[in-house]
Amino acid sequence: MIIIVMGVSGSGKSRVGQALAQCLGWQFRDADDFHTQAAKEKMKQAIPLNDQDRQPWLEAMRSAIDRWIMAGKNTVLACSALKSSYRQVLQIQYSRVQFIYLKGSFELIYKRLQHRQNHFMKESLLQSQFETLEEPTSSEAIHIDASQSPEVIVQQVINQLNLVD
């Protein structure tokens, strides 16, 4: 199974994803690792990415997801997956890929980003993330309140997906 923890930058995707993977004994991967250097440079300069910038990133993740599924490697992937079209690229097999949407207010996420250090994504880009975000429907993703602690979120995911704790 592939669990994709999604949401805007600062919603807690990486922290929750790492905690979930550790709890389950699964592999964890971060979508940031799939960005091209050019895309990372653009974000460092506070320039929002467009769909053309994101295409190689999405294709690289789709290939990785396909390999993980073929190898039977359960994986938690932290990925913004802001648009429905992005999620469709990553949704290779409905029965094997599950999205978890960490939903938080602009104010909550902005405060988190102000305290983040050594990350190429700047808080000045947060507005563009919220503008790009196409919230998934409840049939596309499990919605979780991002203001909760990672431990509570992990337990909710485990309970909702009926995964062994």
N, C-alpha and C. Protein backbone atom coordinates (compact mmCIF):
# COMPACT_ATOMS: atom_id res chain seq x y z
N MET A 1 0.84 -1.18 0.00
CA MET A 1 0.00 0.00 0.00
C MET A 1 0.88 1.24 0.00
N ILE A 2 0.40 2.27 -0.67
CA ILE A 2 1.06 3.57 -0.69
C ILE A 2 0.11 4.56 -0.03
N ILE A 3 0.59 5.23 1.01
CA ILE A 3 -0.18 6.28 1.66
C ILE A 3 0.48 7.60 1.30
N ILE A 4 -0.29 8.51 0.70
CA ILE A 4 0.22 9.83 0.34
C ILE A 4 -0.39 10.84 1.31
N VAL A 5 0.48 11.42 2.15
CA VAL A 5 0.05 12.45 3.10
C VAL A 5 0.19 13.78 2.37
N MET A 6 -0.93 14.45 2.15
CA MET A 6 -0.97 15.65 1.31
C MET A 6 -1.45 16.87 2.06
N GLY A 7 -1.16 18.04 1.48
CA GLY A 7 -1.59 19.32 2.02
C GLY A 7 -0.60 20.39 1.61
N VAL A 8 -0.89 21.61 1.97
CA VAL A 8 0.00 22.72 1.64
C VAL A 8 1.29 22.61 2.44
N SER A 9 2.28 23.35 2.01
CA SER A 9 3.56 23.38 2.72
C SER A 9 3.33 23.85 4.15
N GLY A 10 3.88 23.12 5.11
CA GLY A 10 3.72 23.48 6.51
C GLY A 10 2.56 22.80 7.20
N SER A 11 1.80 21.98 6.48
CA SER A 11 0.64 21.31 7.09
C SER A 11 1.05 20.14 7.98
N GLY A 12 2.30 19.71 7.87
CA GLY A 12 2.78 18.61 8.71
C GLY A 12 2.99 17.31 7.95
N LYS A 13 3.01 17.37 6.63
CA LYS A 13 3.11 16.16 5.81
C LYS A 13 4.33 15.31 6.16
N SER A 14 5.49 15.94 6.20
CA SER A 14 6.72 15.18 6.45
C SER A 14 6.76 14.63 7.87
N ARG A 15 6.42 15.45 8.81
CA ARG A 15 6.46 15.01 10.22
C ARG A 15 5.47 13.88 10.47
N VAL A 16 4.24 14.05 9.99
CA VAL A 16 3.23 13.01 10.15
C VAL A 16 3.61 11.77 9.35
N GLY A 17 4.07 11.99 8.11
CA GLY A 17 4.46 10.87 7.27
C GLY A 17 5.57 10.04 7.87
N GLN A 18 6.58 10.69 8.42
CA GLN A 18 7.68 9.97 9.06
C GLN A 18 7.19 9.19 10.27
N ALA A 19 6.35 9.82 11.08
CA ALA A 19 5.82 9.15 12.27
C ALA A 19 4.95 7.96 11.90
N LEU A 20 4.14 8.12 10.86
CA LEU A 20 3.27 7.03 10.40
C LEU A 20 4.10 5.87 9.86
N ALA A 21 5.09 6.18 9.03
CA ALA A 21 5.95 5.14 8.47
C ALA A 21 6.69 4.39 9.58
N GLN A 22 7.19 5.12 10.55
CA GLN A 22 7.91 4.49 11.66
C GLN A 22 6.97 3.59 12.46
N CYS A 23 5.78 4.07 12.72
CA CYS A 23 4.80 3.29 13.48
C CYS A 23 4.44 1.99 12.77
N LEU A 24 4.33 2.06 11.45
CA LEU A 24 3.94 0.89 10.65
C LEU A 24 5.12 0.02 10.22
N GLY A 25 6.34 0.54 10.36
CA GLY A 25 7.52 -0.17 9.87
C GLY A 25 7.62 -0.12 8.36
N TRP A 26 7.14 0.97 7.78
CA TRP A 26 7.16 1.15 6.32
C TRP A 26 8.27 2.11 5.94
N GLN A 27 8.53 2.18 4.64
CA GLN A 27 9.45 3.14 4.06
C GLN A 27 8.78 4.52 4.04
N PHE A 28 9.57 5.58 4.26
CA PHE A 28 9.08 6.95 4.13
C PHE A 28 9.86 7.65 3.04
N ARG A 29 9.16 8.40 2.21
CA ARG A 29 9.80 9.24 1.19
C ARG A 29 9.11 10.60 1.19
N ASP A 30 9.89 11.63 0.88
CA ASP A 30 9.37 12.99 0.82
C ASP A 30 9.39 13.46 -0.63
N ALA A 31 8.28 14.02 -1.08
CA ALA A 31 8.17 14.49 -2.46
C ALA A 31 9.19 15.57 -2.79
N ASP A 32 9.67 16.30 -1.78
CA ASP A 32 10.69 17.32 -2.02
C ASP A 32 11.93 16.71 -2.68
N ASP A 33 12.21 15.45 -2.38
CA ASP A 33 13.37 14.78 -2.95
C ASP A 33 13.24 14.53 -4.45
N PHE A 34 12.03 14.65 -4.97
CA PHE A 34 11.77 14.38 -6.39
C PHE A 34 11.79 15.66 -7.24
N HIS A 35 11.88 16.83 -6.60
CA HIS A 35 11.92 18.10 -7.34
C HIS A 35 13.25 18.23 -8.08
N THR A 36 13.20 18.85 -9.24
CA THR A 36 14.43 19.17 -9.96
C THR A 36 15.14 20.30 -9.22
N GLN A 37 16.43 20.43 -9.46
CA GLN A 37 17.19 21.52 -8.85
C GLN A 37 16.64 22.87 -9.30
N ALA A 38 16.22 22.95 -10.55
CA ALA A 38 15.67 24.21 -11.06
C ALA A 38 14.40 24.61 -10.30
N ALA A 39 13.55 23.64 -9.99
CA ALA A 39 12.33 23.93 -9.24
C ALA A 39 12.67 24.39 -7.82
N LYS A 40 13.64 23.73 -7.19
CA LYS A 40 14.05 24.13 -5.84
C LYS A 40 14.60 25.56 -5.84
N GLU A 41 15.39 25.88 -6.85
CA GLU A 41 15.95 27.23 -6.95
C GLU A 41 14.84 28.27 -7.12
N LYS A 42 13.85 27.94 -7.91
CA LYS A 42 12.72 28.84 -8.12
C LYS A 42 12.01 29.12 -6.79
N MET A 43 11.77 28.05 -6.02
CA MET A 43 11.08 28.21 -4.74
C MET A 43 11.94 28.99 -3.75
N LYS A 44 13.27 28.78 -3.76
CA LYS A 44 14.16 29.55 -2.88
C LYS A 44 14.05 31.03 -3.16
N GLN A 45 13.79 31.37 -4.43
CA GLN A 45 13.65 32.77 -4.83
C GLN A 45 12.22 33.27 -4.66
N ALA A 46 11.37 32.47 -3.99
CA ALA A 46 9.97 32.81 -3.73
C ALA A 46 9.16 32.96 -5.00
N ILE A 47 9.51 32.17 -6.03
CA ILE A 47 8.76 32.15 -7.28
C ILE A 47 7.89 30.89 -7.28
N PRO A 48 6.57 31.04 -7.34
CA PRO A 48 5.70 29.86 -7.33
C PRO A 48 5.94 28.98 -8.55
N LEU A 49 5.85 27.67 -8.34
CA LEU A 49 5.97 26.73 -9.45
C LEU A 49 4.68 26.70 -10.25
N ASN A 50 4.82 26.44 -11.54
CA ASN A 50 3.64 26.26 -12.39
C ASN A 50 3.53 24.78 -12.77
N ASP A 51 2.50 24.44 -13.52
CA ASP A 51 2.30 23.04 -13.89
C ASP A 51 3.46 22.48 -14.70
N GLN A 52 4.06 23.30 -15.53
CA GLN A 52 5.21 22.84 -16.33
C GLN A 52 6.39 22.50 -15.42
N ASP A 53 6.61 23.31 -14.38
CA ASP A 53 7.68 23.04 -13.42
C ASP A 53 7.42 21.74 -12.66
N ARG A 54 6.16 21.46 -12.41
CA ARG A 54 5.80 20.30 -11.60
C ARG A 54 5.74 18.99 -12.39
N GLN A 55 5.66 19.06 -13.71
CA GLN A 55 5.50 17.84 -14.51
C GLN A 55 6.61 16.80 -14.29
N PRO A 56 7.90 17.18 -14.34
CA PRO A 56 8.94 16.17 -14.10
C PRO A 56 8.87 15.59 -12.69
N TRP A 57 8.49 16.41 -11.73
CA TRP A 57 8.32 16.00 -10.34
C TRP A 57 7.23 14.94 -10.22
N LEU A 58 6.09 15.21 -10.84
CA LEU A 58 4.98 14.26 -10.81
C LEU A 58 5.34 12.95 -11.50
N GLU A 59 6.01 13.05 -12.63
CA GLU A 59 6.39 11.84 -13.37
C GLU A 59 7.38 11.00 -12.58
N ALA A 60 8.32 11.66 -11.90
CA ALA A 60 9.30 10.93 -11.09
C ALA A 60 8.61 10.20 -9.93
N MET A 61 7.65 10.87 -9.29
CA MET A 61 6.92 10.23 -8.19
C MET A 61 6.04 9.09 -8.70
N ARG A 62 5.39 9.30 -9.83
CA ARG A 62 4.55 8.24 -10.40
C ARG A 62 5.39 6.99 -10.69
N SER A 63 6.57 7.18 -11.25
CA SER A 63 7.46 6.05 -11.54
C SER A 63 7.87 5.35 -10.24
N ALA A 64 8.17 6.14 -9.22
CA ALA A 64 8.55 5.56 -7.93
C ALA A 64 7.39 4.78 -7.32
N ILE A 65 6.20 5.34 -7.36
CA ILE A 65 5.02 4.65 -6.82
C ILE A 65 4.80 3.34 -7.56
N ASP A 66 4.94 3.38 -8.86
CA ASP A 66 4.78 2.16 -9.66
C ASP A 66 5.80 1.10 -9.23
N ARG A 67 7.05 1.50 -9.04
CA ARG A 67 8.09 0.55 -8.59
C ARG A 67 7.78 0.00 -7.20
N TRP A 68 7.33 0.87 -6.29
CA TRP A 68 7.02 0.41 -4.93
C TRP A 68 5.89 -0.60 -4.95
N ILE A 69 4.87 -0.34 -5.76
CA ILE A 69 3.74 -1.26 -5.85
C ILE A 69 4.20 -2.59 -6.44
N MET A 70 4.97 -2.53 -7.51
CA MET A 70 5.46 -3.76 -8.16
C MET A 70 6.32 -4.58 -7.21
N ALA A 71 7.10 -3.91 -6.36
CA ALA A 71 7.98 -4.59 -5.42
C ALA A 71 7.28 -4.96 -4.12
N GLY A 72 6.01 -4.55 -3.97
CA GLY A 72 5.28 -4.82 -2.73
C GLY A 72 5.86 -4.07 -1.54
N LYS A 73 6.40 -2.88 -1.78
CA LYS A 73 7.06 -2.08 -0.74
C LYS A 73 6.09 -1.03 -0.21
N ASN A 74 5.51 -1.30 0.96
CA ASN A 74 4.61 -0.33 1.58
C ASN A 74 5.37 0.96 1.87
N THR A 75 4.78 2.09 1.46
CA THR A 75 5.48 3.36 1.54
C THR A 75 4.52 4.48 1.95
N VAL A 76 5.03 5.38 2.77
CA VAL A 76 4.34 6.63 3.08
C VAL A 76 5.09 7.72 2.34
N LEU A 77 4.36 8.48 1.52
CA LEU A 77 4.94 9.57 0.73
C LEU A 77 4.31 10.88 1.18
N ALA A 78 5.14 11.83 1.59
CA ALA A 78 4.66 13.17 1.92
C ALA A 78 4.72 13.99 0.64
N CYS A 79 3.55 14.47 0.19
CA CYS A 79 3.48 15.17 -1.09
C CYS A 79 2.33 16.16 -1.07
N SER A 80 2.57 17.39 -1.51
CA SER A 80 1.52 18.41 -1.47
C SER A 80 0.30 18.00 -2.28
N ALA A 81 0.48 17.48 -3.50
CA ALA A 81 -0.63 17.01 -4.35
C ALA A 81 -1.79 18.00 -4.34
N LEU A 82 -1.48 19.26 -4.60
CA LEU A 82 -2.45 20.33 -4.44
C LEU A 82 -3.64 20.28 -5.40
N LYS A 83 -3.39 19.84 -6.62
CA LYS A 83 -4.47 19.83 -7.62
C LYS A 83 -4.99 18.41 -7.85
N SER A 84 -6.25 18.36 -8.22
CA SER A 84 -6.87 17.08 -8.55
C SER A 84 -6.10 16.37 -9.67
N SER A 85 -5.66 17.14 -10.65
CA SER A 85 -4.92 16.54 -11.78
C SER A 85 -3.60 15.92 -11.31
N TYR A 86 -2.96 16.50 -10.30
CA TYR A 86 -1.73 15.93 -9.75
C TYR A 86 -2.04 14.60 -9.06
N ARG A 87 -3.12 14.61 -8.29
CA ARG A 87 -3.50 13.38 -7.58
C ARG A 87 -3.86 12.27 -8.57
N GLN A 88 -4.47 12.64 -9.68
CA GLN A 88 -4.81 11.64 -10.69
C GLN A 88 -3.55 10.99 -11.28
N VAL A 89 -2.50 11.77 -11.45
CA VAL A 89 -1.23 11.23 -11.95
C VAL A 89 -0.67 10.21 -10.96
N LEU A 90 -0.80 10.51 -9.67
CA LEU A 90 -0.22 9.65 -8.63
C LEU A 90 -1.11 8.47 -8.24
N GLN A 91 -2.37 8.54 -8.59
CA GLN A 91 -3.34 7.49 -8.22
C GLN A 91 -3.27 6.36 -9.25
N ILE A 92 -2.21 5.56 -9.16
CA ILE A 92 -1.98 4.50 -10.14
C ILE A 92 -3.01 3.38 -9.98
N GLN A 93 -3.20 2.95 -8.76
CA GLN A 93 -4.15 1.87 -8.47
C GLN A 93 -4.99 2.29 -7.27
N TYR A 94 -6.29 2.45 -7.48
CA TYR A 94 -7.15 2.93 -6.40
C TYR A 94 -7.09 2.05 -5.16
N SER A 95 -6.94 0.78 -5.34
CA SER A 95 -6.93 -0.12 -4.18
C SER A 95 -5.59 -0.10 -3.45
N ARG A 96 -4.55 0.48 -4.05
CA ARG A 96 -3.22 0.45 -3.44
C ARG A 96 -2.70 1.81 -3.01
N VAL A 97 -3.35 2.90 -3.44
CA VAL A 97 -2.89 4.25 -3.11
C VAL A 97 -4.00 4.98 -2.36
N GLN A 98 -3.66 5.49 -1.17
CA GLN A 98 -4.64 6.19 -0.33
C GLN A 98 -4.10 7.57 0.02
N PHE A 99 -4.89 8.61 -0.21
CA PHE A 99 -4.52 9.98 0.14
C PHE A 99 -5.05 10.33 1.53
N ILE A 100 -4.20 11.01 2.31
CA ILE A 100 -4.56 11.57 3.61
C ILE A 100 -4.35 13.08 3.48
N TYR A 101 -5.43 13.85 3.62
CA TYR A 101 -5.35 15.30 3.46
C TYR A 101 -5.27 15.97 4.83
N LEU A 102 -4.13 16.64 5.09
CA LEU A 102 -3.96 17.40 6.32
C LEU A 102 -4.45 18.82 6.08
N LYS A 103 -5.61 19.10 6.62
CA LYS A 103 -6.28 20.38 6.38
C LYS A 103 -6.04 21.33 7.55
N GLY A 104 -5.56 22.52 7.21
CA GLY A 104 -5.32 23.52 8.24
C GLY A 104 -5.63 24.91 7.70
N SER A 105 -5.87 25.84 8.60
CA SER A 105 -6.16 27.22 8.20
C SER A 105 -4.88 27.90 7.73
N PHE A 106 -5.06 28.97 6.96
CA PHE A 106 -3.92 29.76 6.51
C PHE A 106 -3.13 30.27 7.71
N GLU A 107 -3.80 30.73 8.75
CA GLU A 107 -3.14 31.30 9.92
C GLU A 107 -2.27 30.25 10.62
N LEU A 108 -2.81 29.06 10.82
CA LEU A 108 -2.07 27.97 11.47
C LEU A 108 -0.81 27.64 10.67
N ILE A 109 -0.97 27.45 9.39
CA ILE A 109 0.15 27.04 8.54
C ILE A 109 1.19 28.16 8.45
N TYR A 110 0.75 29.41 8.33
CA TYR A 110 1.68 30.53 8.24
C TYR A 110 2.56 30.60 9.49
N LYS A 111 1.96 30.42 10.66
CA LYS A 111 2.73 30.43 11.91
C LYS A 111 3.78 29.33 11.90
N ARG A 112 3.42 28.16 11.42
CA ARG A 112 4.38 27.05 11.36
C ARG A 112 5.53 27.38 10.42
N LEU A 113 5.23 27.94 9.27
CA LEU A 113 6.27 28.25 8.30
C LEU A 113 7.23 29.32 8.81
N GLN A 114 6.74 30.25 9.63
CA GLN A 114 7.60 31.29 10.18
C GLN A 114 8.66 30.69 11.10
N HIS A 115 8.38 29.54 11.70
CA HIS A 115 9.33 28.89 12.61
C HIS A 115 10.20 27.84 11.93
N ARG A 116 9.93 27.56 10.68
CA ARG A 116 10.69 26.55 9.94
C ARG A 116 12.03 27.15 9.49
N GLN A 117 13.08 26.37 9.63
CA GLN A 117 14.39 26.83 9.22
C GLN A 117 15.00 25.87 8.20
N ASN A 118 15.87 26.39 7.37
CA ASN A 118 16.63 25.59 6.40
C ASN A 118 15.74 24.82 5.43
N HIS A 119 14.69 25.44 4.96
CA HIS A 119 13.81 24.81 3.98
C HIS A 119 13.67 25.75 2.80
N PHE A 120 13.68 25.20 1.58
CA PHE A 120 13.63 26.05 0.39
C PHE A 120 12.27 26.70 0.17
N MET A 121 11.23 26.16 0.77
CA MET A 121 9.88 26.72 0.61
C MET A 121 9.69 27.86 1.61
N LYS A 122 9.47 29.04 1.11
CA LYS A 122 9.34 30.23 1.97
C LYS A 122 7.87 30.51 2.29
N GLU A 123 7.63 31.13 3.46
CA GLU A 123 6.25 31.42 3.86
C GLU A 123 5.57 32.39 2.90
N SER A 124 6.37 33.17 2.16
CA SER A 124 5.79 34.10 1.19
C SER A 124 5.06 33.37 0.05
N LEU A 125 5.35 32.08 -0.13
CA LEU A 125 4.68 31.29 -1.17
C LEU A 125 3.41 30.61 -0.68
N LEU A 126 3.11 30.75 0.61
CA LEU A 126 1.95 30.04 1.15
C LEU A 126 0.65 30.45 0.48
N GLN A 127 0.48 31.74 0.23
CA GLN A 127 -0.77 32.20 -0.41
C GLN A 127 -0.97 31.51 -1.75
N SER A 128 0.12 31.37 -2.52
CA SER A 128 0.00 30.71 -3.82
C SER A 128 -0.36 29.23 -3.66
N GLN A 129 0.09 28.61 -2.57
CA GLN A 129 -0.28 27.21 -2.32
C GLN A 129 -1.79 27.10 -2.04
N PHE A 130 -2.30 27.99 -1.22
CA PHE A 130 -3.74 27.96 -0.92
C PHE A 130 -4.57 28.29 -2.16
N GLU A 131 -4.05 29.18 -3.02
CA GLU A 131 -4.76 29.51 -4.26
C GLU A 131 -4.76 28.33 -5.23
N THR A 132 -3.69 27.55 -5.23
CA THR A 132 -3.57 26.39 -6.12
C THR A 132 -4.36 25.20 -5.59
N LEU A 133 -4.49 25.10 -4.28
CA LEU A 133 -5.12 23.94 -3.64
C LEU A 133 -6.55 23.69 -4.15
N GLU A 134 -6.76 22.51 -4.63
CA GLU A 134 -8.10 22.00 -4.94
C GLU A 134 -8.35 20.91 -3.92
N GLU A 135 -9.10 21.26 -2.88
CA GLU A 135 -9.31 20.29 -1.80
C GLU A 135 -9.92 19.01 -2.34
N PRO A 136 -9.38 17.86 -1.91
CA PRO A 136 -9.95 16.60 -2.37
C PRO A 136 -11.31 16.37 -1.72
N THR A 137 -12.16 15.65 -2.42
CA THR A 137 -13.44 15.28 -1.84
C THR A 137 -13.19 14.18 -0.81
N SER A 138 -14.19 13.91 0.00
CA SER A 138 -14.05 12.85 1.00
C SER A 138 -13.92 11.48 0.37
N SER A 139 -14.33 11.32 -0.89
CA SER A 139 -14.13 10.04 -1.57
C SER A 139 -12.71 9.92 -2.14
N GLU A 140 -12.02 11.05 -2.28
CA GLU A 140 -10.65 11.03 -2.81
C GLU A 140 -9.60 10.89 -1.71
N ALA A 141 -9.92 11.37 -0.51
CA ALA A 141 -8.93 11.40 0.57
C ALA A 141 -9.62 11.39 1.92
N ILE A 142 -8.90 10.89 2.90
CA ILE A 142 -9.33 11.00 4.29
C ILE A 142 -8.90 12.38 4.76
N HIS A 143 -9.84 13.16 5.28
CA HIS A 143 -9.54 14.51 5.75
C HIS A 143 -9.21 14.45 7.24
N ILE A 144 -8.08 15.07 7.60
CA ILE A 144 -7.62 15.10 8.99
C ILE A 144 -7.29 16.54 9.36
N ASP A 145 -7.67 16.95 10.56
CA ASP A 145 -7.39 18.29 11.06
C ASP A 145 -5.89 18.41 11.36
N ALA A 146 -5.20 19.27 10.62
CA ALA A 146 -3.75 19.42 10.75
C ALA A 146 -3.32 20.09 12.05
N SER A 147 -4.25 20.67 12.80
CA SER A 147 -3.87 21.35 14.04
C SER A 147 -3.60 20.37 15.18
N GLN A 148 -3.93 19.11 14.99
CA GLN A 148 -3.70 18.09 16.02
C GLN A 148 -2.24 17.66 16.04
N SER A 149 -1.85 17.00 17.11
CA SER A 149 -0.47 16.52 17.21
C SER A 149 -0.23 15.40 16.20
N PRO A 150 1.02 15.23 15.77
CA PRO A 150 1.33 14.14 14.85
C PRO A 150 0.91 12.76 15.40
N GLU A 151 1.05 12.58 16.69
CA GLU A 151 0.69 11.29 17.30
C GLU A 151 -0.81 11.01 17.16
N VAL A 152 -1.62 12.02 17.37
CA VAL A 152 -3.07 11.88 17.24
C VAL A 152 -3.43 11.62 15.78
N ILE A 153 -2.80 12.35 14.87
CA ILE A 153 -3.08 12.17 13.44
C ILE A 153 -2.71 10.77 13.00
N VAL A 154 -1.53 10.29 13.41
CA VAL A 154 -1.10 8.93 13.04
C VAL A 154 -2.12 7.91 13.52
N GLN A 155 -2.59 8.05 14.73
CA GLN A 155 -3.57 7.09 15.25
C GLN A 155 -4.88 7.15 14.47
N GLN A 156 -5.29 8.36 14.09
CA GLN A 156 -6.51 8.49 13.28
C GLN A 156 -6.36 7.81 11.93
N VAL A 157 -5.20 7.97 11.30
CA VAL A 157 -4.96 7.33 10.01
C VAL A 157 -5.00 5.80 10.16
N ILE A 158 -4.31 5.30 11.16
CA ILE A 158 -4.28 3.86 11.40
C ILE A 158 -5.69 3.33 11.63
N ASN A 159 -6.47 4.05 12.43
CA ASN A 159 -7.85 3.62 12.71
C ASN A 159 -8.73 3.66 11.46
N GLN A 160 -8.63 4.75 10.70
CA GLN A 160 -9.49 4.91 9.54
C GLN A 160 -9.15 3.94 8.41
N LEU A 161 -7.88 3.57 8.31
CA LEU A 161 -7.48 2.62 7.26
C LEU A 161 -7.45 1.16 7.76
N ASN A 162 -7.82 0.99 9.04
CA ASN A 162 -7.82 -0.35 9.63
C ASN A 162 -6.46 -1.02 9.52
N LEU A 163 -5.39 -0.25 9.80
CA LEU A 163 -4.05 -0.79 9.75
C LEU A 163 -3.67 -1.30 11.14
N VAL A 164 -2.81 -2.28 11.17
CA VAL A 164 -2.38 -2.85 12.44
C VAL A 164 -1.52 -1.83 13.17
N ASP A 165 -1.80 -1.67 14.45
CA ASP A 165 -1.04 -0.72 15.27
C ASP A 165 0.10 -1.45 15.96
